[in-house]
């Protein structure tokens, strides 16, 4: 049985889940611009850029999992 509070939480997290999916599309489409080489930082290595890119996508995936769990009431 769904109460008003749980319906509000589910609706809110559904909106956040959709927004997070759109942010993931933005990350994928602009990953080279966001995580590519920067001429103003010559000491930056490719492994440092790869680590930053991986960390951003892992954080995105965790936020997607949490908002999806609350949106579909899997808690």
N, C-alpha and C. Protein backbone atom coordinates (compact mmCIF):
# COMPACT_ATOMS: atom_id res chain seq x y z
N UNK A 1 0.85 -1.17 0.00
CA UNK A 1 0.00 0.00 0.00
C UNK A 1 0.89 1.24 0.00
N UNK A 2 0.67 2.13 -0.94
CA UNK A 2 1.50 3.32 -1.09
C UNK A 2 0.87 4.50 -0.36
N UNK A 3 1.66 5.14 0.46
CA UNK A 3 1.19 6.34 1.15
C UNK A 3 1.57 7.56 0.34
N UNK A 4 1.06 8.71 0.76
CA UNK A 4 1.38 9.94 0.05
C UNK A 4 2.85 10.27 0.14
N UNK A 5 3.46 10.01 1.28
CA UNK A 5 4.89 10.31 1.45
C UNK A 5 5.74 9.42 0.54
N UNK A 6 5.42 8.15 0.46
CA UNK A 6 6.22 7.27 -0.38
C UNK A 6 5.99 7.57 -1.86
N UNK A 7 4.79 8.00 -2.22
CA UNK A 7 4.52 8.39 -3.61
C UNK A 7 5.33 9.64 -3.97
N UNK A 8 5.42 10.58 -3.04
CA UNK A 8 6.22 11.79 -3.28
C UNK A 8 7.70 11.44 -3.43
N UNK A 9 8.19 10.55 -2.56
CA UNK A 9 9.59 10.15 -2.64
C UNK A 9 9.86 9.41 -3.95
N UNK A 10 8.95 8.53 -4.34
CA UNK A 10 9.13 7.79 -5.59
C UNK A 10 9.11 8.74 -6.79
N UNK A 11 8.21 9.71 -6.80
CA UNK A 11 8.14 10.67 -7.89
C UNK A 11 9.41 11.52 -7.95
N UNK A 12 9.87 11.98 -6.79
CA UNK A 12 11.07 12.81 -6.73
C UNK A 12 12.28 12.04 -7.25
N UNK A 13 12.45 10.81 -6.78
CA UNK A 13 13.60 10.04 -7.21
C UNK A 13 13.47 9.57 -8.66
N UNK A 14 12.26 9.45 -9.15
CA UNK A 14 12.09 9.14 -10.57
C UNK A 14 12.59 10.30 -11.43
N UNK A 15 12.26 11.52 -11.02
CA UNK A 15 12.77 12.69 -11.73
C UNK A 15 14.29 12.78 -11.65
N UNK A 16 14.83 12.51 -10.46
CA UNK A 16 16.28 12.53 -10.30
C UNK A 16 16.96 11.43 -11.12
N UNK A 17 16.32 10.28 -11.23
CA UNK A 17 16.87 9.18 -12.03
C UNK A 17 16.92 9.56 -13.51
N UNK A 18 15.85 10.16 -14.01
CA UNK A 18 15.84 10.60 -15.40
C UNK A 18 16.88 11.69 -15.63
N UNK A 19 16.99 12.62 -14.69
CA UNK A 19 18.00 13.68 -14.81
C UNK A 19 19.41 13.08 -14.79
N UNK A 20 19.61 12.07 -13.98
CA UNK A 20 20.91 11.41 -13.92
C UNK A 20 21.23 10.69 -15.22
N UNK A 21 20.23 10.05 -15.83
CA UNK A 21 20.45 9.41 -17.12
C UNK A 21 20.82 10.43 -18.19
N UNK A 22 20.18 11.58 -18.17
CA UNK A 22 20.53 12.65 -19.11
C UNK A 22 21.94 13.16 -18.85
N UNK A 23 22.33 13.23 -17.58
CA UNK A 23 23.70 13.64 -17.26
C UNK A 23 24.71 12.62 -17.77
N UNK A 24 24.35 11.33 -17.73
CA UNK A 24 25.22 10.30 -18.26
C UNK A 24 25.39 10.42 -19.76
N UNK A 25 24.32 10.75 -20.47
CA UNK A 25 24.42 10.99 -21.91
C UNK A 25 25.33 12.17 -22.18
N UNK A 26 25.19 13.22 -21.38
CA UNK A 26 26.06 14.40 -21.52
C UNK A 26 27.52 14.02 -21.29
N UNK A 27 27.78 13.20 -20.26
CA UNK A 27 29.15 12.76 -19.99
C UNK A 27 29.72 11.97 -21.16
N UNK A 28 28.93 11.08 -21.72
CA UNK A 28 29.41 10.27 -22.84
C UNK A 28 29.68 11.11 -24.08
N UNK A 29 28.77 12.01 -24.39
CA UNK A 29 28.94 12.82 -25.60
C UNK A 29 30.07 13.83 -25.49
N UNK A 30 30.34 14.32 -24.31
CA UNK A 30 31.36 15.36 -24.14
C UNK A 30 32.58 14.87 -23.36
N UNK A 31 32.82 13.56 -23.36
CA UNK A 31 33.91 13.03 -22.54
C UNK A 31 35.28 13.52 -23.02
N UNK A 32 35.46 13.68 -24.32
CA UNK A 32 36.75 14.16 -24.81
C UNK A 32 36.98 15.61 -24.40
N UNK A 33 35.95 16.42 -24.47
CA UNK A 33 36.09 17.83 -24.07
C UNK A 33 36.28 17.95 -22.56
N UNK A 34 35.58 17.11 -21.80
CA UNK A 34 35.68 17.19 -20.34
C UNK A 34 36.95 16.56 -19.80
N UNK A 35 37.39 15.44 -20.40
CA UNK A 35 38.51 14.68 -19.85
C UNK A 35 39.70 14.61 -20.78
N UNK A 36 39.70 15.37 -21.86
CA UNK A 36 40.80 15.33 -22.83
C UNK A 36 42.03 16.09 -22.33
N UNK A 37 42.99 16.20 -23.22
CA UNK A 37 44.23 16.89 -22.85
C UNK A 37 43.98 18.38 -22.70
N UNK A 38 44.71 18.97 -21.77
CA UNK A 38 44.61 20.40 -21.49
C UNK A 38 45.98 21.01 -21.71
N UNK A 39 46.12 21.89 -22.69
CA UNK A 39 47.44 22.47 -22.96
C UNK A 39 47.97 23.34 -21.83
N UNK A 40 47.11 23.81 -20.96
CA UNK A 40 47.58 24.66 -19.86
C UNK A 40 48.15 23.84 -18.70
N UNK A 41 48.02 22.51 -18.75
CA UNK A 41 48.57 21.64 -17.71
C UNK A 41 49.50 20.63 -18.39
N UNK A 42 50.74 21.03 -18.70
CA UNK A 42 51.63 20.12 -19.43
C UNK A 42 52.10 18.92 -18.61
N UNK A 43 52.04 19.00 -17.29
CA UNK A 43 52.53 17.89 -16.47
C UNK A 43 51.49 16.80 -16.27
N UNK A 44 50.29 16.99 -16.80
CA UNK A 44 49.23 16.00 -16.64
C UNK A 44 49.52 14.78 -17.52
N UNK A 45 49.40 13.60 -16.94
CA UNK A 45 49.68 12.37 -17.69
C UNK A 45 48.38 11.74 -18.17
N UNK A 46 48.51 10.82 -19.11
CA UNK A 46 47.32 10.16 -19.64
C UNK A 46 46.68 9.26 -18.58
N UNK A 47 47.49 8.70 -17.68
CA UNK A 47 46.91 7.86 -16.63
C UNK A 47 46.13 8.70 -15.63
N UNK A 48 46.56 9.91 -15.37
CA UNK A 48 45.81 10.80 -14.50
C UNK A 48 44.47 11.20 -15.11
N UNK A 49 44.47 11.45 -16.42
CA UNK A 49 43.21 11.77 -17.10
C UNK A 49 42.28 10.56 -17.11
N UNK A 50 42.84 9.37 -17.34
CA UNK A 50 42.01 8.15 -17.35
C UNK A 50 41.42 7.89 -15.97
N UNK A 51 42.21 8.14 -14.93
CA UNK A 51 41.72 7.94 -13.57
C UNK A 51 40.58 8.91 -13.27
N UNK A 52 40.72 10.16 -13.67
CA UNK A 52 39.66 11.15 -13.45
C UNK A 52 38.39 10.80 -14.21
N UNK A 53 38.54 10.32 -15.44
CA UNK A 53 37.39 9.92 -16.23
C UNK A 53 36.69 8.72 -15.60
N UNK A 54 37.48 7.73 -15.18
CA UNK A 54 36.92 6.54 -14.54
C UNK A 54 36.20 6.91 -13.26
N UNK A 55 36.78 7.79 -12.47
CA UNK A 55 36.18 8.19 -11.21
C UNK A 55 34.85 8.92 -11.44
N UNK A 56 34.78 9.76 -12.45
CA UNK A 56 33.54 10.47 -12.75
C UNK A 56 32.45 9.49 -13.18
N UNK A 57 32.79 8.50 -13.99
CA UNK A 57 31.79 7.55 -14.43
C UNK A 57 31.37 6.60 -13.31
N UNK A 58 32.27 6.27 -12.41
CA UNK A 58 31.90 5.42 -11.27
C UNK A 58 30.96 6.17 -10.33
N UNK A 59 31.22 7.43 -10.09
CA UNK A 59 30.32 8.23 -9.25
C UNK A 59 28.95 8.34 -9.93
N UNK A 60 28.95 8.56 -11.25
CA UNK A 60 27.69 8.63 -11.98
C UNK A 60 26.92 7.32 -11.87
N UNK A 61 27.60 6.19 -12.00
CA UNK A 61 26.95 4.89 -11.92
C UNK A 61 26.36 4.64 -10.53
N UNK A 62 27.07 5.06 -9.50
CA UNK A 62 26.54 4.88 -8.15
C UNK A 62 25.31 5.76 -7.91
N UNK A 63 25.34 6.97 -8.39
CA UNK A 63 24.17 7.85 -8.26
C UNK A 63 23.00 7.26 -9.04
N UNK A 64 23.27 6.70 -10.22
CA UNK A 64 22.21 6.07 -11.01
C UNK A 64 21.62 4.88 -10.26
N UNK A 65 22.46 4.09 -9.64
CA UNK A 65 21.97 2.93 -8.90
C UNK A 65 21.12 3.35 -7.70
N UNK A 66 21.57 4.35 -6.97
CA UNK A 66 20.82 4.79 -5.79
C UNK A 66 19.50 5.46 -6.16
N UNK A 67 19.53 6.35 -7.13
CA UNK A 67 18.27 7.00 -7.52
C UNK A 67 17.32 6.00 -8.17
N UNK A 68 17.87 5.06 -8.92
CA UNK A 68 17.02 4.02 -9.51
C UNK A 68 16.40 3.13 -8.46
N UNK A 69 17.14 2.81 -7.43
CA UNK A 69 16.60 1.96 -6.35
C UNK A 69 15.46 2.68 -5.63
N UNK A 70 15.63 3.95 -5.35
CA UNK A 70 14.56 4.69 -4.67
C UNK A 70 13.40 4.97 -5.63
N UNK A 71 13.68 5.16 -6.91
CA UNK A 71 12.61 5.43 -7.86
C UNK A 71 11.72 4.21 -8.06
N UNK A 72 12.33 3.03 -8.06
CA UNK A 72 11.55 1.81 -8.28
C UNK A 72 11.26 1.09 -6.97
N UNK A 73 11.47 1.76 -5.85
CA UNK A 73 11.17 1.28 -4.51
C UNK A 73 11.76 -0.11 -4.27
N UNK A 74 13.07 -0.18 -4.42
CA UNK A 74 13.77 -1.44 -4.19
C UNK A 74 14.56 -1.36 -2.88
N UNK A 75 14.20 -0.51 -1.99
CA UNK A 75 14.92 -0.36 -0.73
C UNK A 75 14.34 -1.19 0.36
